């Protein structure tokens, strides 16, 4: 399974309360993704940058470093391997 970016991963997390209990920052990511198209268009690039930063931080500093979280994600997805991308670049593979 491959997550192409913040929107893709947030869409996967949305409504998965059990998973959000393990990854509480996932709720923040969902909120950031949902706010991208809200407000002034002049700030949209900034909102996208903040969203990507939250996503990258969640993946690199939480998921990539925690084997329990990795195991739980693999169990939830039913996949043996999960790839996280940002701007078409792989930022983590578990």
PDB file of N, CA and C in Angstrom:
ATOM      1  N   UNK A   1       0.847  -1.170   0.000  1.00  0.00           N
ATOM      2  CA  UNK A   1       0.000   0.000   0.000  1.00  0.00           C
ATOM      3  C   UNK A   1       0.892   1.232   0.000  1.00  0.00           C
ATOM      4  N   UNK A   2       0.471   2.221  -0.744  1.00  0.00           N
ATOM      5  CA  UNK A   2       1.222   3.473  -0.822  1.00  0.00           C
ATOM      6  C   UNK A   2       0.303   4.648  -0.521  1.00  0.00           C
ATOM      7  N   UNK A   3       0.758   5.517   0.365  1.00  0.00           N
ATOM      8  CA  UNK A   3       0.076   6.778   0.627  1.00  0.00           C
ATOM      9  C   UNK A   3       0.843   7.849  -0.128  1.00  0.00           C
ATOM     10  N   UNK A   4       0.163   8.535  -1.035  1.00  0.00           N
ATOM     11  CA  UNK A   4       0.808   9.500  -1.923  1.00  0.00           C
ATOM     12  C   UNK A   4       1.080  10.849  -1.268  1.00  0.00           C
ATOM     13  N   UNK A   5       0.522  11.086  -0.099  1.00  0.00           N
ATOM     14  CA  UNK A   5       0.739  12.360   0.578  1.00  0.00           C
ATOM     15  C   UNK A   5      -0.224  12.541   1.725  1.00  0.00           C
ATOM     16  N   UNK A   6      -0.256  13.765   2.234  1.00  0.00           N
ATOM     17  CA  UNK A   6      -1.057  14.082   3.409  1.00  0.00           C
ATOM     18  C   UNK A   6      -2.548  13.822   3.192  1.00  0.00           C
ATOM     19  N   UNK A   7      -3.087  14.253   2.053  1.00  0.00           N
ATOM     20  CA  UNK A   7      -4.518  14.057   1.792  1.00  0.00           C
ATOM     21  C   UNK A   7      -4.877  12.580   1.749  1.00  0.00           C
ATOM     22  N   UNK A   8      -4.042  11.805   1.118  1.00  0.00           N
ATOM     23  CA  UNK A   8      -4.271  10.370   0.986  1.00  0.00           C
ATOM     24  C   UNK A   8      -4.269   9.693   2.363  1.00  0.00           C
ATOM     25  N   UNK A   9      -3.265  10.003   3.187  1.00  0.00           N
ATOM     26  CA  UNK A   9      -3.161   9.385   4.506  1.00  0.00           C
ATOM     27  C   UNK A   9      -4.275   9.873   5.428  1.00  0.00           C
ATOM     28  N   UNK A  10      -4.602  11.165   5.374  1.00  0.00           N
ATOM     29  CA  UNK A  10      -5.685  11.704   6.203  1.00  0.00           C
ATOM     30  C   UNK A  10      -7.016  11.055   5.829  1.00  0.00           C
ATOM     31  N   UNK A  11      -7.238  10.845   4.538  1.00  0.00           N
ATOM     32  CA  UNK A  11      -8.456  10.168   4.090  1.00  0.00           C
ATOM     33  C   UNK A  11      -8.548   8.756   4.630  1.00  0.00           C
ATOM     34  N   UNK A  12      -7.409   8.083   4.709  1.00  0.00           N
ATOM     35  CA  UNK A  12      -7.367   6.737   5.272  1.00  0.00           C
ATOM     36  C   UNK A  12      -7.668   6.767   6.776  1.00  0.00           C
ATOM     37  N   UNK A  13      -7.106   7.741   7.482  1.00  0.00           N
ATOM     38  CA  UNK A  13      -7.275   7.819   8.934  1.00  0.00           C
ATOM     39  C   UNK A  13      -8.682   8.226   9.361  1.00  0.00           C
ATOM     40  N   UNK A  14      -9.331   9.028   8.541  1.00  0.00           N
ATOM     41  CA  UNK A  14     -10.628   9.595   8.910  1.00  0.00           C
ATOM     42  C   UNK A  14     -11.633   8.493   9.234  1.00  0.00           C
ATOM     43  N   UNK A  15     -12.224   8.601  10.412  1.00  0.00           N
ATOM     44  CA  UNK A  15     -13.243   7.644  10.831  1.00  0.00           C
ATOM     45  C   UNK A  15     -12.695   6.377  11.476  1.00  0.00           C
ATOM     46  N   UNK A  16     -11.382   6.248  11.528  1.00  0.00           N
ATOM     47  CA  UNK A  16     -10.767   5.071  12.152  1.00  0.00           C
ATOM     48  C   UNK A  16     -10.359   5.435  13.582  1.00  0.00           C
ATOM     49  N   UNK A  17     -11.344   5.437  14.473  1.00  0.00           N
ATOM     50  CA  UNK A  17     -11.129   5.907  15.840  1.00  0.00           C
ATOM     51  C   UNK A  17     -10.067   5.104  16.584  1.00  0.00           C
ATOM     52  N   UNK A  18     -10.038   3.796  16.368  1.00  0.00           N
ATOM     53  CA  UNK A  18      -9.041   2.961  17.040  1.00  0.00           C
ATOM     54  C   UNK A  18      -7.627   3.367  16.620  1.00  0.00           C
ATOM     55  N   UNK A  19      -7.467   3.607  15.356  1.00  0.00           N
ATOM     56  CA  UNK A  19      -6.164   4.015  14.837  1.00  0.00           C
ATOM     57  C   UNK A  19      -5.799   5.414  15.326  1.00  0.00           C
ATOM     58  N   UNK A  20      -6.781   6.294  15.411  1.00  0.00           N
ATOM     59  CA  UNK A  20      -6.523   7.654  15.882  1.00  0.00           C
ATOM     60  C   UNK A  20      -6.178   7.683  17.371  1.00  0.00           C
ATOM     61  N   UNK A  21      -6.585   6.667  18.117  1.00  0.00           N
ATOM     62  CA  UNK A  21      -6.177   6.571  19.518  1.00  0.00           C
ATOM     63  C   UNK A  21      -4.685   6.252  19.605  1.00  0.00           C
ATOM     64  N   UNK A  22      -4.190   5.459  18.665  1.00  0.00           N
ATOM     65  CA  UNK A  22      -2.774   5.109  18.619  1.00  0.00           C
ATOM     66  C   UNK A  22      -1.956   6.273  18.047  1.00  0.00           C
ATOM     67  N   UNK A  23      -2.532   6.970  17.080  1.00  0.00           N
ATOM     68  CA  UNK A  23      -1.876   8.110  16.417  1.00  0.00           C
ATOM     69  C   UNK A  23      -2.697   9.380  16.640  1.00  0.00           C
ATOM     70  N   UNK A  24      -2.674   9.948  17.845  1.00  0.00           N
ATOM     71  CA  UNK A  24      -3.512  11.123  18.098  1.00  0.00           C
ATOM     72  C   UNK A  24      -3.186  12.305  17.191  1.00  0.00           C
ATOM     73  N   UNK A  25      -1.953  12.381  16.676  1.00  0.00           N
ATOM     74  CA  UNK A  25      -1.580  13.464  15.754  1.00  0.00           C
ATOM     75  C   UNK A  25      -2.275  13.294  14.411  1.00  0.00           C
ATOM     76  N   UNK A  26      -2.826  12.117  14.179  1.00  0.00           N
ATOM     77  CA  UNK A  26      -3.589  11.880  12.960  1.00  0.00           C
ATOM     78  C   UNK A  26      -4.786  12.810  12.869  1.00  0.00           C
ATOM     79  N   UNK A  27      -5.393  13.102  14.014  1.00  0.00           N
ATOM     80  CA  UNK A  27      -6.525  14.039  14.038  1.00  0.00           C
ATOM     81  C   UNK A  27      -6.079  15.431  13.611  1.00  0.00           C
ATOM     82  N   UNK A  28      -4.888  15.821  14.038  1.00  0.00           N
ATOM     83  CA  UNK A  28      -4.342  17.117  13.612  1.00  0.00           C
ATOM     84  C   UNK A  28      -4.145  17.139  12.102  1.00  0.00           C
ATOM     85  N   UNK A  29      -3.618  16.046  11.570  1.00  0.00           N
ATOM     86  CA  UNK A  29      -3.403  15.965  10.124  1.00  0.00           C
ATOM     87  C   UNK A  29      -4.723  16.096   9.376  1.00  0.00           C
ATOM     88  N   UNK A  30      -5.748  15.407   9.838  1.00  0.00           N
ATOM     89  CA  UNK A  30      -7.071  15.491   9.207  1.00  0.00           C
ATOM     90  C   UNK A  30      -7.563  16.937   9.216  1.00  0.00           C
ATOM     91  N   UNK A  31      -7.414  17.613  10.350  1.00  0.00           N
ATOM     92  CA  UNK A  31      -7.842  19.010  10.469  1.00  0.00           C
ATOM     93  C   UNK A  31      -7.077  19.906   9.496  1.00  0.00           C
ATOM     94  N   UNK A  32      -5.768  19.719   9.413  1.00  0.00           N
ATOM     95  CA  UNK A  32      -4.960  20.516   8.479  1.00  0.00           C
ATOM     96  C   UNK A  32      -5.396  20.276   7.034  1.00  0.00           C
ATOM     97  N   UNK A  33      -5.596  19.019   6.666  1.00  0.00           N
ATOM     98  CA  UNK A  33      -6.013  18.701   5.293  1.00  0.00           C
ATOM     99  C   UNK A  33      -7.360  19.346   4.984  1.00  0.00           C
ATOM    100  N   UNK A  34      -8.288  19.267   5.934  1.00  0.00           N
ATOM    101  CA  UNK A  34      -9.618  19.836   5.711  1.00  0.00           C
ATOM    102  C   UNK A  34      -9.590  21.357   5.629  1.00  0.00           C
ATOM    103  N   UNK A  35      -8.559  21.988   6.175  1.00  0.00           N
ATOM    104  CA  UNK A  35      -8.493  23.455   6.159  1.00  0.00           C
ATOM    105  C   UNK A  35      -7.781  24.014   4.922  1.00  0.00           C
ATOM    106  N   UNK A  36      -7.212  23.155   4.098  1.00  0.00           N
ATOM    107  CA  UNK A  36      -6.445  23.632   2.934  1.00  0.00           C
ATOM    108  C   UNK A  36      -7.279  24.534   2.031  1.00  0.00           C
ATOM    109  N   UNK A  37      -8.509  24.149   1.743  1.00  0.00           N
ATOM    110  CA  UNK A  37      -9.336  24.918   0.809  1.00  0.00           C
ATOM    111  C   UNK A  37     -10.252  25.923   1.497  1.00  0.00           C
ATOM    112  N   UNK A  38     -10.023  26.173   2.783  1.00  0.00           N
ATOM    113  CA  UNK A  38     -10.827  27.154   3.512  1.00  0.00           C
ATOM    114  C   UNK A  38     -10.036  28.439   3.671  1.00  0.00           C
ATOM    115  N   UNK A  39     -10.743  29.538   3.730  1.00  0.00           N
ATOM    116  CA  UNK A  39     -10.080  30.814   3.959  1.00  0.00           C
ATOM    117  C   UNK A  39      -9.576  31.454   2.676  1.00  0.00           C
ATOM    118  N   UNK A  40      -8.742  32.440   2.864  1.00  0.00           N
ATOM    119  CA  UNK A  40      -8.206  33.242   1.761  1.00  0.00           C
ATOM    120  C   UNK A  40      -7.304  32.400   0.859  1.00  0.00           C
ATOM    121  N   UNK A  41      -7.519  32.539  -0.450  1.00  0.00           N
ATOM    122  CA  UNK A  41      -6.701  31.792  -1.414  1.00  0.00           C
ATOM    123  C   UNK A  41      -5.239  32.228  -1.368  1.00  0.00           C
ATOM    124  N   UNK A  42      -4.988  33.430  -0.909  1.00  0.00           N
ATOM    125  CA  UNK A  42      -3.610  33.931  -0.849  1.00  0.00           C
ATOM    126  C   UNK A  42      -2.771  33.158   0.167  1.00  0.00           C
ATOM    127  N   UNK A  43      -3.404  32.476   1.093  1.00  0.00           N
ATOM    128  CA  UNK A  43      -2.688  31.711   2.123  1.00  0.00           C
ATOM    129  C   UNK A  43      -2.705  30.204   1.854  1.00  0.00           C
ATOM    130  N   UNK A  44      -3.259  29.797   0.718  1.00  0.00           N
ATOM    131  CA  UNK A  44      -3.401  28.365   0.432  1.00  0.00           C
ATOM    132  C   UNK A  44      -2.048  27.649   0.382  1.00  0.00           C
ATOM    133  N   UNK A  45      -1.050  28.256  -0.245  1.00  0.00           N
ATOM    134  CA  UNK A  45       0.274  27.622  -0.323  1.00  0.00           C
ATOM    135  C   UNK A  45       0.864  27.420   1.070  1.00  0.00           C
ATOM    136  N   UNK A  46       0.630  28.376   1.949  1.00  0.00           N
ATOM    137  CA  UNK A  46       1.111  28.263   3.325  1.00  0.00           C
ATOM    138  C   UNK A  46       0.404  27.127   4.050  1.00  0.00           C
ATOM    139  N   UNK A  47      -0.919  27.023   3.850  1.00  0.00           N
ATOM    140  CA  UNK A  47      -1.672  25.933   4.491  1.00  0.00           C
ATOM    141  C   UNK A  47      -1.205  24.571   3.975  1.00  0.00           C
ATOM    142  N   UNK A  48      -0.928  24.475   2.684  1.00  0.00           N
ATOM    143  CA  UNK A  48      -0.418  23.221   2.107  1.00  0.00           C
ATOM    144  C   UNK A  48       0.948  22.885   2.712  1.00  0.00           C
ATOM    145  N   UNK A  49       1.807  23.882   2.836  1.00  0.00           N
ATOM    146  CA  UNK A  49       3.140  23.659   3.408  1.00  0.00           C
ATOM    147  C   UNK A  49       3.046  23.186   4.856  1.00  0.00           C
ATOM    148  N   UNK A  50       2.157  23.800   5.642  1.00  0.00           N
ATOM    149  CA  UNK A  50       1.976  23.374   7.034  1.00  0.00           C
ATOM    150  C   UNK A  50       1.436  21.948   7.099  1.00  0.00           C
ATOM    151  N   UNK A  51       0.492  21.635   6.237  1.00  0.00           N
ATOM    152  CA  UNK A  51      -0.082  20.289   6.197  1.00  0.00           C
ATOM    153  C   UNK A  51       0.994  19.263   5.854  1.00  0.00           C
ATOM    154  N   UNK A  52       1.794  19.554   4.854  1.00  0.00           N
ATOM    155  CA  UNK A  52       2.874  18.640   4.471  1.00  0.00           C
ATOM    156  C   UNK A  52       3.893  18.474   5.591  1.00  0.00           C
ATOM    157  N   UNK A  53       4.146  19.541   6.328  1.00  0.00           N
ATOM    158  CA  UNK A  53       5.077  19.480   7.451  1.00  0.00           C
ATOM    159  C   UNK A  53       4.539  18.578   8.565  1.00  0.00           C
ATOM    160  N   UNK A  54       3.259  18.711   8.872  1.00  0.00           N
ATOM    161  CA  UNK A  54       2.631  17.863   9.893  1.00  0.00           C
ATOM    162  C   UNK A  54       2.669  16.403   9.453  1.00  0.00           C
ATOM    163  N   UNK A  55       2.348  16.148   8.193  1.00  0.00           N
ATOM    164  CA  UNK A  55       2.371  14.786   7.643  1.00  0.00           C
ATOM    165  C   UNK A  55       3.772  14.188   7.727  1.00  0.00           C
ATOM    166  N   UNK A  56       4.757  14.938   7.268  1.00  0.00           N
ATOM    167  CA  UNK A  56       6.137  14.431   7.275  1.00  0.00           C
ATOM    168  C   UNK A  56       6.604  14.156   8.704  1.00  0.00           C
ATOM    169  N   UNK A  57       6.298  15.054   9.612  1.00  0.00           N
ATOM    170  CA  UNK A  57       6.676  14.870  11.013  1.00  0.00           C
ATOM    171  C   UNK A  57       6.018  13.621  11.601  1.00  0.00           C
ATOM    172  N   UNK A  58       4.745  13.431  11.316  1.00  0.00           N
ATOM    173  CA  UNK A  58       4.017  12.259  11.800  1.00  0.00           C
ATOM    174  C   UNK A  58       4.641  10.974  11.268  1.00  0.00           C
ATOM    175  N   UNK A  59       4.948  10.954   9.992  1.00  0.00           N
ATOM    176  CA  UNK A  59       5.509   9.746   9.371  1.00  0.00           C
ATOM    177  C   UNK A  59       6.938   9.491   9.844  1.00  0.00           C
ATOM    178  N   UNK A  60       7.787  10.502   9.755  1.00  0.00           N
ATOM    179  CA  UNK A  60       9.217  10.316  10.033  1.00  0.00           C
ATOM    180  C   UNK A  60       9.507  10.175  11.529  1.00  0.00           C
ATOM    181  N   UNK A  61       8.866  10.987  12.355  1.00  0.00           N
ATOM    182  CA  UNK A  61       9.201  10.991  13.780  1.00  0.00           C
ATOM    183  C   UNK A  61       8.322  10.100  14.645  1.00  0.00           C
ATOM    184  N   UNK A  62       7.194   9.668  14.144  1.00  0.00           N
ATOM    185  CA  UNK A  62       6.324   8.811  14.946  1.00  0.00           C
ATOM    186  C   UNK A  62       6.219   7.417  14.347  1.00  0.00           C
ATOM    187  N   UNK A  63       5.735   7.322  13.133  1.00  0.00           N
ATOM    188  CA  UNK A  63       5.493   6.009  12.530  1.00  0.00           C
ATOM    189  C   UNK A  63       6.800   5.278  12.242  1.00  0.00           C
ATOM    190  N   UNK A  64       7.727   5.959  11.621  1.00  0.00           N
ATOM    191  CA  UNK A  64       8.983   5.321  11.208  1.00  0.00           C
ATOM    192  C   UNK A  64       9.816   4.840  12.401  1.00  0.00           C
ATOM    193  N   UNK A  65       9.683   5.492  13.545  1.00  0.00           N
ATOM    194  CA  UNK A  65      10.503   5.170  14.717  1.00  0.00           C
ATOM    195  C   UNK A  65       9.820   4.243  15.722  1.00  0.00           C
ATOM    196  N   UNK A  66       8.559   3.899  15.505  1.00  0.00           N
ATOM    197  CA  UNK A  66       7.822   3.123  16.499  1.00  0.00           C
ATOM    198  C   UNK A  66       7.310   1.820  15.890  1.00  0.00           C
ATOM    199  N   UNK A  67       7.934   0.726  16.249  1.00  0.00           N
ATOM    200  CA  UNK A  67       7.566  -0.581  15.684  1.00  0.00           C
ATOM    201  C   UNK A  67       6.145  -1.002  16.054  1.00  0.00           C
ATOM    202  N   UNK A  68       5.683  -0.617  17.242  1.00  0.00           N
ATOM    203  CA  UNK A  68       4.312  -0.963  17.631  1.00  0.00           C
ATOM    204  C   UNK A  68       3.300  -0.271  16.723  1.00  0.00           C
ATOM    205  N   UNK A  69       3.541   0.995  16.425  1.00  0.00           N
ATOM    206  CA  UNK A  69       2.661   1.742  15.522  1.00  0.00           C
ATOM    207  C   UNK A  69       2.727   1.139  14.124  1.00  0.00           C
ATOM    208  N   UNK A  70       3.918   0.779  13.676  1.00  0.00           N
ATOM    209  CA  UNK A  70       4.076   0.154  12.363  1.00  0.00           C
ATOM    210  C   UNK A  70       3.272  -1.141  12.284  1.00  0.00           C
ATOM    211  N   UNK A  71       3.398  -1.970  13.310  1.00  0.00           N
ATOM    212  CA  UNK A  71       2.675  -3.245  13.341  1.00  0.00           C
ATOM    213  C   UNK A  71       1.163  -3.006  13.303  1.00  0.00           C
ATOM    214  N   UNK A  72       0.706  -2.037  14.082  1.00  0.00           N
ATOM    215  CA  UNK A  72      -0.722  -1.736  14.135  1.00  0.00           C
ATOM    216  C   UNK A  72      -1.225  -1.247  12.775  1.00  0.00           C
ATOM    217  N   UNK A  73      -0.460  -0.380  12.116  1.00  0.00           N
ATOM    218  CA  UNK A  73      -0.848   0.124  10.793  1.00  0.00           C
ATOM    219  C   UNK A  73      -0.924  -1.008   9.775  1.00  0.00           C
ATOM    220  N   UNK A  74       0.061  -1.889   9.802  1.00  0.00           N
ATOM    221  CA  UNK A  74       0.058  -3.023   8.873  1.00  0.00           C
ATOM    222  C   UNK A  74      -1.140  -3.923   9.124  1.00  0.00           C
ATOM    223  N   UNK A  75      -1.473  -4.113  10.392  1.00  0.00           N
ATOM    224  CA  UNK A  75      -2.632  -4.941  10.742  1.00  0.00           C
ATOM    225  C   UNK A  75      -3.928  -4.280  10.259  1.00  0.00           C
ATOM    226  N   UNK A  76      -4.039  -2.975  10.463  1.00  0.00           N
ATOM    227  CA  UNK A  76      -5.245  -2.241  10.047  1.00  0.00           C
ATOM    228  C   UNK A  76      -5.424  -2.225   8.530  1.00  0.00           C
ATOM    229  N   UNK A  77      -4.316  -2.149   7.805  1.00  0.00           N
ATOM    230  CA  UNK A  77      -4.401  -2.096   6.342  1.00  0.00           C
ATOM    231  C   UNK A  77      -4.423  -3.480   5.714  1.00  0.00           C
ATOM    232  N   UNK A  78      -3.970  -4.480   6.469  1.00  0.00           N
ATOM    233  CA  UNK A  78      -3.869  -5.828   5.922  1.00  0.00           C
ATOM    234  C   UNK A  78      -2.711  -5.973   4.952  1.00  0.00           C
ATOM    235  N   UNK A  79      -1.758  -5.059   5.033  1.00  0.00           N
ATOM    236  CA  UNK A  79      -0.612  -5.037   4.122  1.00  0.00           C
ATOM    237  C   UNK A  79       0.667  -5.420   4.857  1.00  0.00           C
ATOM    238  N   UNK A  80       1.601  -5.999   4.130  1.00  0.00           N
ATOM    239  CA  UNK A  80       2.906  -6.331   4.703  1.00  0.00           C
ATOM    240  C   UNK A  80       3.882  -5.170   4.588  1.00  0.00           C
ATOM    241  N   UNK A  81       3.611  -4.275   3.642  1.00  0.00           N
ATOM    242  CA  UNK A  81       4.503  -3.149   3.403  1.00  0.00           C
ATOM    243  C   UNK A  81       3.670  -1.898   3.127  1.00  0.00           C
ATOM    244  N   UNK A  82       4.088  -0.786   3.713  1.00  0.00           N
ATOM    245  CA  UNK A  82       3.407   0.490   3.501  1.00  0.00           C
ATOM    246  C   UNK A  82       4.460   1.530   3.132  1.00  0.00           C
ATOM    247  N   UNK A  83       4.179   2.281   2.072  1.00  0.00           N
ATOM    248  CA  UNK A  83       5.090   3.327   1.605  1.00  0.00           C
ATOM    249  C   UNK A  83       4.402   4.677   1.805  1.00  0.00           C
ATOM    250  N   UNK A  84       5.149   5.619   2.356  1.00  0.00           N
ATOM    251  CA  UNK A  84       4.654   6.977   2.557  1.00  0.00           C
ATOM    252  C   UNK A  84       5.438   7.902   1.638  1.00  0.00           C
ATOM    253  N   UNK A  85       4.716   8.662   0.824  1.00  0.00           N
ATOM    254  CA  UNK A  85       5.355   9.593  -0.108  1.00  0.00           C
ATOM    255  C   UNK A  85       4.934  11.023   0.204  1.00  0.00           C
ATOM    256  N   UNK A  86       5.777  11.939  -0.226  1.00  0.00           N
ATOM    257  CA  UNK A  86       5.477  13.364  -0.162  1.00  0.00           C
ATOM    258  C   UNK A  86       6.080  13.985  -1.409  1.00  0.00           C
ATOM    259  N   UNK A  87       5.262  14.641  -2.196  1.00  0.00           N
ATOM    260  CA  UNK A  87       5.709  15.240  -3.462  1.00  0.00           C
ATOM    261  C   UNK A  87       6.447  14.221  -4.333  1.00  0.00           C
ATOM    262  N   UNK A  88       5.877  13.042  -4.434  1.00  0.00           N
ATOM    263  CA  UNK A  88       6.377  11.939  -5.265  1.00  0.00           C
ATOM    264  C   UNK A  88       7.685  11.318  -4.765  1.00  0.00           C
ATOM    265  N   UNK A  89       8.161  11.735  -3.601  1.00  0.00           N
ATOM    266  CA  UNK A  89       9.382  11.170  -3.025  1.00  0.00           C
ATOM    267  C   UNK A  89       9.013  10.292  -1.831  1.00  0.00           C
ATOM    268  N   UNK A  90       9.640   9.138  -1.732  1.00  0.00           N
ATOM    269  CA  UNK A  90       9.399   8.245  -0.599  1.00  0.00           C
ATOM    270  C   UNK A  90      10.062   8.852   0.637  1.00  0.00           C
ATOM    271  N   UNK A  91       9.256   9.045   1.695  1.00  0.00           N
ATOM    272  CA  UNK A  91       9.817   9.562   2.946  1.00  0.00           C
ATOM    273  C   UNK A  91       9.938   8.458   3.993  1.00  0.00           C
ATOM    274  N   UNK A  92       9.209   7.354   3.784  1.00  0.00           N
ATOM    275  CA  UNK A  92       9.322   6.214   4.696  1.00  0.00           C
ATOM    276  C   UNK A  92       8.723   4.984   4.049  1.00  0.00           C
ATOM    277  N   UNK A  93       9.297   3.860   4.409  1.00  0.00           N
ATOM    278  CA  UNK A  93       8.766   2.573   3.977  1.00  0.00           C
ATOM    279  C   UNK A  93       8.832   1.648   5.180  1.00  0.00           C
ATOM    280  N   UNK A  94       7.671   1.092   5.530  1.00  0.00           N
ATOM    281  CA  UNK A  94       7.635   0.186   6.682  1.00  0.00           C
ATOM    282  C   UNK A  94       7.143  -1.176   6.249  1.00  0.00           C
TER     283      UNK A  94
END
